[in-house]
């Protein structure tokens, strides 16, 4: 009977271990494919602010047009605002239509500042919020006789906080979803 020397036994055990390891190997490493993520709507804060300015300009233009036309075709506001914002405006449009009031001039704005941009907003709601100084100094409201009904004490520059939702139908990618009068320090007075 042959005896196997300890060195030879060790070599055979090592060879067997390598052979078995070669057959089975380590568990294969599996890296799941990354879930597809939507690209951010805007590449930068500056781009988000520019889009918000464009969207707000479109909004004020539509609202001014509806009021110049005494509240006619008020549903067109839905192209630039959410239904909730449109519902808030409809009362004013209806009043204009019933009383014969109409606007002249146009709303402008300045002093815009980005307050918030959520590039990862999964639902596209409240994706951008800006501060804006709305200027209505060129807007007059006339009755049916052409007389101004604007209160002499009217404040012509109003600080607002405006929020936007994403909208693929809008050229800017945004529509107005909320408008609040800013109650903090009046940045329009600066």
N, C-alpha and C. Protein backbone atom coordinates (compact mmCIF):
# COMPACT_ATOMS: atom_id res chain seq x y z
N UNK A 1 0.83 -1.16 0.00
CA UNK A 1 0.00 0.00 0.00
C UNK A 1 0.88 1.22 0.00
N UNK A 2 0.47 2.12 -0.79
CA UNK A 2 1.28 3.33 -0.92
C UNK A 2 0.86 4.34 0.11
N UNK A 3 1.80 5.09 0.51
CA UNK A 3 1.49 6.20 1.40
C UNK A 3 1.75 7.49 0.65
N UNK A 4 0.92 8.38 0.87
CA UNK A 4 1.06 9.67 0.20
C UNK A 4 1.79 10.59 1.16
N UNK A 5 2.78 11.21 0.64
CA UNK A 5 3.55 12.11 1.49
C UNK A 5 2.72 13.36 1.78
N UNK A 6 2.99 13.98 2.89
CA UNK A 6 2.22 15.17 3.25
C UNK A 6 2.30 16.27 2.20
N UNK A 7 3.42 16.45 1.54
CA UNK A 7 3.54 17.52 0.54
C UNK A 7 2.66 17.19 -0.65
N UNK A 8 2.71 15.95 -1.09
CA UNK A 8 1.89 15.54 -2.22
C UNK A 8 0.41 15.63 -1.88
N UNK A 9 0.03 15.28 -0.67
CA UNK A 9 -1.36 15.36 -0.24
C UNK A 9 -1.84 16.81 -0.24
N UNK A 10 -0.99 17.69 0.19
CA UNK A 10 -1.34 19.11 0.20
C UNK A 10 -1.53 19.61 -1.21
N UNK A 11 -0.64 19.20 -2.13
CA UNK A 11 -0.76 19.65 -3.53
C UNK A 11 -2.03 19.10 -4.17
N UNK A 12 -2.35 17.83 -3.89
CA UNK A 12 -3.58 17.26 -4.44
C UNK A 12 -4.82 17.97 -3.89
N UNK A 13 -4.81 18.28 -2.63
CA UNK A 13 -5.95 18.99 -2.01
C UNK A 13 -6.09 20.38 -2.62
N UNK A 14 -4.97 21.05 -2.86
CA UNK A 14 -5.01 22.39 -3.46
C UNK A 14 -5.52 22.33 -4.89
N UNK A 15 -5.07 21.32 -5.65
CA UNK A 15 -5.51 21.16 -7.03
C UNK A 15 -7.00 20.85 -7.08
N UNK A 16 -7.45 19.99 -6.18
CA UNK A 16 -8.87 19.66 -6.12
C UNK A 16 -9.69 20.89 -5.76
N UNK A 17 -9.22 21.69 -4.83
CA UNK A 17 -9.92 22.91 -4.42
C UNK A 17 -10.02 23.89 -5.59
N UNK A 18 -8.93 24.01 -6.35
CA UNK A 18 -8.95 24.91 -7.50
C UNK A 18 -9.89 24.41 -8.58
N UNK A 19 -9.92 23.09 -8.77
CA UNK A 19 -10.80 22.52 -9.78
C UNK A 19 -12.25 22.73 -9.40
N UNK A 20 -12.58 22.46 -8.17
CA UNK A 20 -13.95 22.65 -7.71
C UNK A 20 -14.31 24.12 -7.76
N UNK A 21 -13.40 24.97 -7.35
CA UNK A 21 -13.67 26.41 -7.38
C UNK A 21 -13.87 26.88 -8.80
N UNK A 22 -13.12 26.30 -9.75
CA UNK A 22 -13.28 26.69 -11.14
C UNK A 22 -14.63 26.28 -11.70
N UNK A 23 -15.17 25.18 -11.19
CA UNK A 23 -16.48 24.73 -11.67
C UNK A 23 -17.61 25.58 -11.13
N UNK A 24 -17.48 25.90 -9.88
CA UNK A 24 -18.56 26.64 -9.26
C UNK A 24 -18.26 28.14 -9.16
N UNK A 25 -17.07 28.48 -8.90
CA UNK A 25 -16.66 29.88 -8.81
C UNK A 25 -17.44 30.65 -7.75
N UNK A 26 -17.14 31.93 -7.67
CA UNK A 26 -17.89 32.81 -6.78
C UNK A 26 -19.27 33.03 -7.37
N UNK A 27 -20.16 33.50 -6.54
CA UNK A 27 -21.48 33.85 -7.05
C UNK A 27 -21.32 34.95 -8.09
N UNK A 28 -22.01 34.84 -9.19
CA UNK A 28 -21.86 35.90 -10.20
C UNK A 28 -22.36 37.22 -9.62
N UNK A 29 -21.62 38.25 -9.94
CA UNK A 29 -22.06 39.56 -9.47
C UNK A 29 -23.13 40.06 -10.44
N UNK A 30 -24.26 40.44 -9.89
CA UNK A 30 -25.37 40.92 -10.70
C UNK A 30 -25.65 42.36 -10.32
N UNK A 31 -25.56 43.21 -11.27
CA UNK A 31 -25.88 44.60 -11.03
C UNK A 31 -27.16 44.91 -11.80
N UNK A 32 -28.24 45.16 -11.07
CA UNK A 32 -29.49 45.44 -11.78
C UNK A 32 -29.35 46.73 -12.59
N UNK A 33 -30.04 46.75 -13.70
CA UNK A 33 -30.03 47.95 -14.53
C UNK A 33 -30.65 49.09 -13.76
N UNK A 34 -30.07 50.26 -13.90
CA UNK A 34 -30.60 51.43 -13.22
C UNK A 34 -31.98 51.73 -13.78
N UNK A 35 -32.88 52.10 -12.87
CA UNK A 35 -34.21 52.48 -13.32
C UNK A 35 -34.10 53.75 -14.13
N UNK A 36 -34.82 53.82 -15.22
CA UNK A 36 -34.75 55.04 -16.01
C UNK A 36 -35.31 56.21 -15.21
N UNK A 37 -34.61 57.28 -15.26
CA UNK A 37 -35.07 58.49 -14.58
C UNK A 37 -35.28 59.57 -15.61
N UNK A 38 -36.29 60.36 -15.39
CA UNK A 38 -36.56 61.45 -16.31
C UNK A 38 -35.50 62.52 -16.12
N UNK A 39 -35.12 63.11 -17.20
CA UNK A 39 -34.15 64.20 -17.12
C UNK A 39 -34.83 65.39 -16.45
N UNK A 40 -34.09 66.17 -15.70
CA UNK A 40 -34.69 67.36 -15.10
C UNK A 40 -35.29 68.25 -16.18
N UNK A 41 -36.36 68.93 -15.82
CA UNK A 41 -37.04 69.80 -16.77
C UNK A 41 -36.11 70.94 -17.21
N UNK A 42 -35.30 71.44 -16.28
CA UNK A 42 -34.38 72.54 -16.59
C UNK A 42 -32.98 72.17 -16.14
N UNK A 43 -32.00 72.59 -16.91
CA UNK A 43 -30.61 72.25 -16.63
C UNK A 43 -30.02 73.05 -15.48
N UNK A 44 -30.62 74.20 -15.15
CA UNK A 44 -30.05 75.05 -14.11
C UNK A 44 -31.15 75.90 -13.48
N UNK A 45 -30.80 76.53 -12.37
CA UNK A 45 -31.73 77.47 -11.73
C UNK A 45 -32.04 78.64 -12.65
N UNK A 46 -31.03 79.09 -13.38
CA UNK A 46 -31.22 80.23 -14.30
C UNK A 46 -32.23 79.88 -15.39
N UNK A 47 -32.14 78.65 -15.90
CA UNK A 47 -33.07 78.20 -16.93
C UNK A 47 -34.49 78.08 -16.35
N UNK A 48 -34.60 77.60 -15.12
CA UNK A 48 -35.91 77.49 -14.46
C UNK A 48 -36.53 78.87 -14.26
N UNK A 49 -35.72 79.84 -13.84
CA UNK A 49 -36.23 81.21 -13.65
C UNK A 49 -36.67 81.81 -14.98
N UNK A 50 -35.90 81.63 -16.03
CA UNK A 50 -36.27 82.15 -17.35
C UNK A 50 -37.59 81.54 -17.83
N UNK A 51 -37.77 80.25 -17.62
CA UNK A 51 -39.01 79.59 -18.02
C UNK A 51 -40.19 80.11 -17.20
N UNK A 52 -39.96 80.33 -15.90
CA UNK A 52 -41.03 80.87 -15.04
C UNK A 52 -41.41 82.28 -15.48
N UNK A 53 -40.43 83.09 -15.84
CA UNK A 53 -40.72 84.44 -16.33
C UNK A 53 -41.55 84.37 -17.62
N UNK A 54 -41.18 83.47 -18.53
CA UNK A 54 -41.93 83.31 -19.77
C UNK A 54 -43.37 82.86 -19.49
N UNK A 55 -43.52 81.91 -18.58
CA UNK A 55 -44.85 81.40 -18.24
C UNK A 55 -45.70 82.48 -17.57
N UNK A 56 -45.09 83.27 -16.72
CA UNK A 56 -45.87 84.33 -16.04
C UNK A 56 -46.23 85.44 -17.03
N UNK A 57 -45.34 85.73 -17.95
CA UNK A 57 -45.63 86.73 -18.99
C UNK A 57 -46.83 86.26 -19.83
N UNK A 58 -46.86 84.99 -20.19
CA UNK A 58 -47.98 84.43 -20.95
C UNK A 58 -49.27 84.51 -20.13
N UNK A 59 -49.18 84.22 -18.85
CA UNK A 59 -50.34 84.28 -17.96
C UNK A 59 -50.90 85.71 -17.89
N UNK A 60 -50.03 86.69 -17.62
CA UNK A 60 -50.53 88.07 -17.50
C UNK A 60 -51.09 88.58 -18.82
N UNK A 61 -50.51 88.15 -19.92
CA UNK A 61 -51.00 88.55 -21.23
C UNK A 61 -52.42 88.01 -21.48
N UNK A 62 -52.64 86.75 -21.13
CA UNK A 62 -53.98 86.16 -21.33
C UNK A 62 -54.99 86.83 -20.40
N UNK A 63 -54.65 87.02 -19.13
CA UNK A 63 -55.57 87.66 -18.20
C UNK A 63 -55.90 89.07 -18.67
N UNK A 64 -54.88 89.84 -19.06
CA UNK A 64 -55.12 91.20 -19.57
C UNK A 64 -56.04 91.17 -20.79
N UNK A 65 -55.81 90.25 -21.72
CA UNK A 65 -56.63 90.16 -22.93
C UNK A 65 -58.09 89.86 -22.59
N UNK A 66 -58.30 88.93 -21.68
CA UNK A 66 -59.67 88.59 -21.29
C UNK A 66 -60.36 89.80 -20.68
N UNK A 67 -59.65 90.53 -19.84
CA UNK A 67 -60.27 91.70 -19.19
C UNK A 67 -60.44 92.87 -20.16
N UNK A 68 -59.57 93.01 -21.13
CA UNK A 68 -59.74 94.05 -22.16
C UNK A 68 -60.99 93.75 -22.98
N UNK A 69 -61.26 92.45 -23.16
CA UNK A 69 -62.42 92.03 -23.95
C UNK A 69 -63.65 91.78 -23.07
N UNK A 70 -63.70 92.40 -21.91
CA UNK A 70 -64.84 92.36 -20.99
C UNK A 70 -65.20 90.94 -20.55
N UNK A 71 -64.20 90.12 -20.33
CA UNK A 71 -64.42 88.79 -19.78
C UNK A 71 -64.77 87.71 -20.79
N UNK A 72 -64.74 88.04 -22.07
CA UNK A 72 -65.11 87.06 -23.10
C UNK A 72 -64.05 85.98 -23.26
N UNK A 73 -64.53 84.77 -23.59
CA UNK A 73 -63.66 83.62 -23.86
C UNK A 73 -62.66 83.39 -22.72
N UNK A 74 -63.20 83.37 -21.50
CA UNK A 74 -62.33 83.25 -20.33
C UNK A 74 -61.67 81.87 -20.19
N UNK A 75 -62.18 80.86 -20.87
CA UNK A 75 -61.60 79.52 -20.76
C UNK A 75 -60.18 79.45 -21.31
N UNK A 76 -59.77 80.42 -22.08
CA UNK A 76 -58.40 80.39 -22.63
C UNK A 76 -57.34 80.50 -21.55
N UNK A 77 -57.76 80.91 -20.34
CA UNK A 77 -56.80 80.96 -19.22
C UNK A 77 -56.26 79.57 -18.90
N UNK A 78 -57.01 78.54 -19.26
CA UNK A 78 -56.56 77.16 -18.97
C UNK A 78 -55.31 76.77 -19.75
N UNK A 79 -54.93 77.56 -20.73
CA UNK A 79 -53.69 77.30 -21.47
C UNK A 79 -52.46 77.75 -20.69
N UNK A 80 -52.67 78.65 -19.71
CA UNK A 80 -51.53 79.22 -18.98
C UNK A 80 -51.63 79.04 -17.47
N UNK A 81 -52.70 78.41 -17.00
CA UNK A 81 -52.91 78.24 -15.56
C UNK A 81 -53.64 76.94 -15.28
N UNK A 82 -53.48 76.46 -14.07
CA UNK A 82 -54.20 75.26 -13.63
C UNK A 82 -55.68 75.59 -13.47
N UNK A 83 -56.54 74.59 -13.46
CA UNK A 83 -57.97 74.83 -13.24
C UNK A 83 -58.25 75.56 -11.92
N UNK A 84 -57.45 75.30 -10.90
CA UNK A 84 -57.65 75.96 -9.60
C UNK A 84 -57.40 77.46 -9.71
N UNK A 85 -56.36 77.85 -10.40
CA UNK A 85 -56.08 79.28 -10.59
C UNK A 85 -57.15 79.90 -11.50
N UNK A 86 -57.54 79.18 -12.54
CA UNK A 86 -58.58 79.67 -13.44
C UNK A 86 -59.87 79.93 -12.68
N UNK A 87 -60.24 79.00 -11.78
CA UNK A 87 -61.47 79.18 -10.99
C UNK A 87 -61.43 80.46 -10.18
N UNK A 88 -60.27 80.81 -9.66
CA UNK A 88 -60.14 82.07 -8.89
C UNK A 88 -60.33 83.28 -9.78
N UNK A 89 -59.91 83.20 -11.03
CA UNK A 89 -60.00 84.32 -11.95
C UNK A 89 -61.40 84.46 -12.57
N UNK A 90 -62.12 83.36 -12.69
CA UNK A 90 -63.42 83.39 -13.37
C UNK A 90 -64.39 84.40 -12.75
N UNK A 91 -64.36 84.55 -11.45
CA UNK A 91 -65.26 85.51 -10.79
C UNK A 91 -65.00 86.93 -11.30
N UNK A 92 -63.75 87.30 -11.41
CA UNK A 92 -63.42 88.62 -11.93
C UNK A 92 -63.81 88.77 -13.39
N UNK A 93 -63.61 87.71 -14.17
CA UNK A 93 -64.01 87.75 -15.58
C UNK A 93 -65.52 87.90 -15.71
N UNK A 94 -66.25 87.18 -14.87
CA UNK A 94 -67.71 87.24 -14.90
C UNK A 94 -68.20 88.63 -14.50
N UNK A 95 -67.58 89.21 -13.49
CA UNK A 95 -67.94 90.57 -13.07
C UNK A 95 -67.72 91.55 -14.22
N UNK A 96 -66.59 91.42 -14.90
CA UNK A 96 -66.31 92.29 -16.03
C UNK A 96 -67.38 92.12 -17.11
N UNK A 97 -67.76 90.89 -17.39
CA UNK A 97 -68.76 90.63 -18.42
C UNK A 97 -70.13 91.20 -18.03
N UNK A 98 -70.52 91.04 -16.78
CA UNK A 98 -71.84 91.49 -16.32
C UNK A 98 -71.94 93.00 -16.17
N UNK A 99 -70.87 93.65 -15.78
CA UNK A 99 -70.92 95.09 -15.51
C UNK A 99 -70.42 95.94 -16.67
N UNK A 100 -69.83 95.30 -17.66
CA UNK A 100 -69.31 96.05 -18.79
C UNK A 100 -67.97 96.71 -18.53
N UNK A 101 -67.32 96.34 -17.42
CA UNK A 101 -66.00 96.90 -17.13
C UNK A 101 -64.98 96.26 -18.07
N UNK A 102 -63.98 97.05 -18.41
CA UNK A 102 -62.90 96.52 -19.24
C UNK A 102 -61.59 97.18 -18.84
N UNK A 103 -60.54 96.46 -19.06
CA UNK A 103 -59.19 96.96 -18.78
C UNK A 103 -58.63 97.64 -20.01
N UNK A 104 -57.72 98.54 -19.76
CA UNK A 104 -56.85 99.08 -20.81
C UNK A 104 -55.43 98.94 -20.29
N UNK A 105 -54.49 98.97 -21.18
CA UNK A 105 -53.09 98.85 -20.77
C UNK A 105 -52.75 97.40 -20.49
N UNK A 106 -51.59 97.19 -19.89
CA UNK A 106 -51.15 95.83 -19.63
C UNK A 106 -50.32 95.72 -18.38
N UNK A 107 -50.33 94.52 -17.83
CA UNK A 107 -49.57 94.21 -16.62
C UNK A 107 -48.13 93.90 -17.02
N UNK A 108 -47.19 94.41 -16.26
CA UNK A 108 -45.79 94.07 -16.44
C UNK A 108 -45.25 93.57 -15.10
N UNK A 109 -44.04 93.10 -15.10
CA UNK A 109 -43.42 92.67 -13.85
C UNK A 109 -41.92 92.78 -13.96
N UNK A 110 -41.28 92.83 -12.81
CA UNK A 110 -39.82 92.90 -12.74
C UNK A 110 -39.37 92.32 -11.40
N UNK A 111 -38.12 92.48 -11.11
CA UNK A 111 -37.53 92.03 -9.84
C UNK A 111 -37.82 90.56 -9.55
N UNK A 112 -37.75 89.72 -10.57
CA UNK A 112 -38.00 88.30 -10.34
C UNK A 112 -36.80 87.65 -9.67
N UNK A 113 -37.11 86.71 -8.81
CA UNK A 113 -36.05 85.97 -8.11
C UNK A 113 -36.55 84.55 -7.89
N UNK A 114 -35.69 83.60 -8.16
CA UNK A 114 -36.05 82.20 -7.95
C UNK A 114 -36.11 81.92 -6.46
N UNK A 115 -37.24 81.42 -6.02
CA UNK A 115 -37.39 81.05 -4.62
C UNK A 115 -37.14 79.55 -4.45
N UNK A 116 -37.57 78.75 -5.46
CA UNK A 116 -37.49 77.30 -5.33
C UNK A 116 -37.56 76.65 -6.72
N UNK A 117 -36.70 75.68 -6.94
CA UNK A 117 -36.79 74.83 -8.13
C UNK A 117 -36.50 73.41 -7.71
N UNK A 118 -37.46 72.52 -7.91
CA UNK A 118 -37.30 71.12 -7.55
C UNK A 118 -37.12 70.31 -8.83
N UNK A 119 -35.88 70.06 -9.20
CA UNK A 119 -35.58 69.35 -10.44
C UNK A 119 -36.01 67.89 -10.37
N UNK A 120 -36.28 67.39 -9.18
CA UNK A 120 -36.67 65.98 -9.01
C UNK A 120 -38.14 65.80 -8.69
N UNK A 121 -38.94 66.81 -8.92
CA UNK A 121 -40.36 66.70 -8.62
C UNK A 121 -40.96 65.56 -9.44
N UNK A 122 -41.36 64.47 -8.78
CA UNK A 122 -41.83 63.31 -9.53
C UNK A 122 -43.17 63.54 -10.25
N UNK A 123 -43.99 64.42 -9.72
CA UNK A 123 -45.30 64.64 -10.33
C UNK A 123 -45.38 65.95 -11.11
N UNK A 124 -44.32 66.74 -11.09
CA UNK A 124 -44.31 67.99 -11.84
C UNK A 124 -45.11 69.11 -11.18
N UNK A 125 -45.56 68.90 -9.95
CA UNK A 125 -46.34 69.92 -9.26
C UNK A 125 -45.41 70.80 -8.42
N UNK A 126 -45.73 72.07 -8.39
CA UNK A 126 -44.94 73.04 -7.61
C UNK A 126 -43.46 72.91 -7.90
N UNK A 127 -43.14 72.81 -9.16
CA UNK A 127 -41.75 72.56 -9.56
C UNK A 127 -40.89 73.82 -9.47
N UNK A 128 -41.50 75.00 -9.70
CA UNK A 128 -40.78 76.27 -9.63
C UNK A 128 -41.64 77.28 -8.87
N UNK A 129 -40.99 78.05 -8.01
CA UNK A 129 -41.64 79.16 -7.32
C UNK A 129 -40.71 80.37 -7.44
N UNK A 130 -41.31 81.51 -7.77
CA UNK A 130 -40.52 82.74 -7.89
C UNK A 130 -41.16 83.86 -7.08
N UNK A 131 -40.34 84.83 -6.76
CA UNK A 131 -40.82 86.10 -6.25
C UNK A 131 -40.86 87.04 -7.44
N UNK A 132 -41.90 87.86 -7.52
CA UNK A 132 -42.04 88.77 -8.66
C UNK A 132 -42.74 90.05 -8.20
N UNK A 133 -42.30 91.15 -8.75
CA UNK A 133 -42.94 92.43 -8.47
C UNK A 133 -43.85 92.74 -9.66
N UNK A 134 -45.16 92.69 -9.43
CA UNK A 134 -46.15 92.91 -10.48
C UNK A 134 -46.45 94.41 -10.54
N UNK A 135 -46.39 94.96 -11.74
CA UNK A 135 -46.61 96.39 -11.96
C UNK A 135 -47.89 96.58 -12.78
N UNK A 136 -48.91 97.17 -12.15
CA UNK A 136 -50.18 97.43 -12.84
C UNK A 136 -50.40 98.93 -13.06
N UNK A 137 -49.33 99.71 -13.00
CA UNK A 137 -49.45 101.16 -13.14
C UNK A 137 -50.00 101.57 -14.50
N UNK A 138 -49.81 100.76 -15.53
CA UNK A 138 -50.31 101.09 -16.87
C UNK A 138 -51.73 100.54 -17.10
N UNK A 139 -52.28 99.84 -16.12
CA UNK A 139 -53.60 99.25 -16.27
C UNK A 139 -54.66 100.20 -15.72
N UNK A 140 -55.68 100.44 -16.51
CA UNK A 140 -56.83 101.23 -16.06
C UNK A 140 -58.07 100.36 -16.25
N UNK A 141 -59.06 100.56 -15.42
CA UNK A 141 -60.32 99.83 -15.54
C UNK A 141 -61.40 100.88 -15.84
N UNK A 142 -62.07 100.67 -16.96
CA UNK A 142 -63.06 101.64 -17.43
C UNK A 142 -64.46 101.05 -17.36
N UNK A 143 -65.44 101.93 -17.02
CA UNK A 143 -66.83 101.49 -17.05
C UNK A 143 -67.36 101.62 -18.48
N UNK A 144 -68.63 101.35 -18.67
CA UNK A 144 -69.21 101.38 -20.02
C UNK A 144 -69.15 102.76 -20.66
N UNK A 145 -69.08 103.81 -19.84
CA UNK A 145 -68.99 105.18 -20.37
C UNK A 145 -67.56 105.61 -20.65
N UNK A 146 -66.58 104.73 -20.32
CA UNK A 146 -65.18 105.06 -20.55
C UNK A 146 -64.54 105.78 -19.39
N UNK A 147 -65.21 105.84 -18.24
CA UNK A 147 -64.65 106.50 -17.05
C UNK A 147 -63.86 105.50 -16.21
N UNK A 148 -62.74 105.95 -15.70
CA UNK A 148 -61.91 105.09 -14.86
C UNK A 148 -62.61 104.81 -13.53
N UNK A 149 -62.55 103.56 -13.09
CA UNK A 149 -63.11 103.18 -11.79
C UNK A 149 -62.00 102.75 -10.82
N UNK A 150 -60.76 103.02 -11.18
CA UNK A 150 -59.62 102.65 -10.33
C UNK A 150 -59.56 103.61 -9.14
N UNK A 151 -59.42 103.03 -7.97
CA UNK A 151 -59.28 103.80 -6.74
C UNK A 151 -57.96 104.58 -6.80
N UNK A 152 -58.00 105.84 -6.46
CA UNK A 152 -56.80 106.69 -6.50
C UNK A 152 -55.71 106.18 -5.56
N UNK A 153 -56.08 105.42 -4.53
CA UNK A 153 -55.12 104.90 -3.56
C UNK A 153 -54.57 103.52 -3.95
N UNK A 154 -54.88 103.08 -5.14
CA UNK A 154 -54.44 101.74 -5.56
C UNK A 154 -52.92 101.64 -5.51
N UNK A 155 -52.44 100.52 -5.02
CA UNK A 155 -51.01 100.25 -5.02
C UNK A 155 -50.66 99.68 -6.39
N UNK A 156 -49.73 100.32 -7.10
CA UNK A 156 -49.42 99.93 -8.48
C UNK A 156 -48.37 98.83 -8.60
N UNK A 157 -47.58 98.61 -7.56
CA UNK A 157 -46.55 97.57 -7.59
C UNK A 157 -46.80 96.62 -6.42
N UNK A 158 -46.99 95.34 -6.76
CA UNK A 158 -47.42 94.37 -5.76
C UNK A 158 -46.44 93.20 -5.73
N UNK A 159 -45.86 92.90 -4.55
CA UNK A 159 -44.97 91.74 -4.46
C UNK A 159 -45.79 90.45 -4.40
N UNK A 160 -45.37 89.48 -5.19
CA UNK A 160 -46.10 88.21 -5.23
C UNK A 160 -45.12 87.04 -5.21
N UNK A 161 -45.66 85.92 -4.78
CA UNK A 161 -44.97 84.65 -4.86
C UNK A 161 -45.81 83.79 -5.80
N UNK A 162 -45.20 83.35 -6.89
CA UNK A 162 -45.93 82.62 -7.93
C UNK A 162 -45.30 81.23 -8.07
N UNK A 163 -46.18 80.22 -8.07
CA UNK A 163 -45.74 78.83 -8.19
C UNK A 163 -46.22 78.26 -9.52
N UNK A 164 -45.41 77.38 -10.09
CA UNK A 164 -45.69 76.81 -11.40
C UNK A 164 -45.63 75.29 -11.34
N UNK A 165 -46.50 74.66 -12.13
CA UNK A 165 -46.46 73.22 -12.36
C UNK A 165 -45.88 73.01 -13.75
N UNK A 166 -45.31 71.83 -13.97
CA UNK A 166 -44.82 71.53 -15.32
C UNK A 166 -46.01 71.25 -16.23
N UNK A 167 -45.85 71.60 -17.49
CA UNK A 167 -46.91 71.37 -18.48
C UNK A 167 -46.27 71.19 -19.85
N UNK A 168 -46.39 70.00 -20.42
CA UNK A 168 -45.79 69.78 -21.73
C UNK A 168 -46.48 70.58 -22.84
N UNK A 169 -47.70 71.06 -22.59
CA UNK A 169 -48.41 71.84 -23.60
C UNK A 169 -47.94 73.30 -23.66
N UNK A 170 -47.25 73.75 -22.64
CA UNK A 170 -46.80 75.14 -22.57
C UNK A 170 -45.43 75.28 -23.24
N UNK A 171 -45.24 76.38 -23.96
CA UNK A 171 -43.96 76.59 -24.64
C UNK A 171 -42.81 76.73 -23.64
N UNK A 172 -43.11 77.22 -22.45
CA UNK A 172 -42.06 77.36 -21.43
C UNK A 172 -41.89 76.10 -20.61
N UNK A 173 -42.85 75.17 -20.73
CA UNK A 173 -42.82 73.97 -19.92
C UNK A 173 -43.52 74.13 -18.58
N UNK A 174 -44.07 75.33 -18.32
CA UNK A 174 -44.69 75.63 -17.03
C UNK A 174 -46.04 76.32 -17.21
N UNK A 175 -46.93 76.14 -16.21
CA UNK A 175 -48.16 76.93 -16.11
C UNK A 175 -48.30 77.39 -14.66
N UNK A 176 -49.01 78.48 -14.46
CA UNK A 176 -49.20 79.05 -13.12
C UNK A 176 -50.13 78.13 -12.33
N UNK A 177 -49.68 77.77 -11.11
CA UNK A 177 -50.50 76.90 -10.26
C UNK A 177 -50.90 77.56 -8.94
N UNK A 178 -50.26 78.68 -8.60
CA UNK A 178 -50.63 79.39 -7.37
C UNK A 178 -50.04 80.79 -7.42
N UNK A 179 -50.82 81.75 -6.93
CA UNK A 179 -50.35 83.14 -6.82
C UNK A 179 -50.73 83.64 -5.43
N UNK A 180 -49.73 84.10 -4.70
CA UNK A 180 -49.97 84.64 -3.37
C UNK A 180 -49.36 86.04 -3.30
N UNK A 181 -50.06 86.93 -2.64
CA UNK A 181 -49.46 88.25 -2.36
C UNK A 181 -48.40 88.01 -1.28
N UNK A 182 -47.20 88.50 -1.53
CA UNK A 182 -46.10 88.31 -0.59
C UNK A 182 -46.33 89.22 0.61
N UNK A 183 -46.34 88.65 1.80
CA UNK A 183 -46.61 89.42 3.01
C UNK A 183 -45.34 89.78 3.77
N UNK A 184 -44.20 89.32 3.28
CA UNK A 184 -42.94 89.66 3.91
C UNK A 184 -42.53 91.08 3.53
N UNK A 185 -41.26 91.35 3.64
CA UNK A 185 -40.74 92.68 3.29
C UNK A 185 -41.08 92.99 1.83
N UNK A 186 -41.58 94.18 1.58
CA UNK A 186 -42.02 94.58 0.23
C UNK A 186 -40.79 94.85 -0.64
N UNK A 187 -40.40 93.84 -1.42
CA UNK A 187 -39.25 93.99 -2.31
C UNK A 187 -39.56 94.86 -3.52
N UNK A 188 -40.82 95.20 -3.75
CA UNK A 188 -41.16 96.09 -4.84
C UNK A 188 -40.84 97.55 -4.53
N UNK A 189 -40.77 97.86 -3.26
CA UNK A 189 -40.51 99.23 -2.84
C UNK A 189 -39.03 99.59 -2.92
N UNK A 190 -38.18 98.60 -3.10
CA UNK A 190 -36.74 98.83 -3.10
C UNK A 190 -36.27 99.43 -4.38
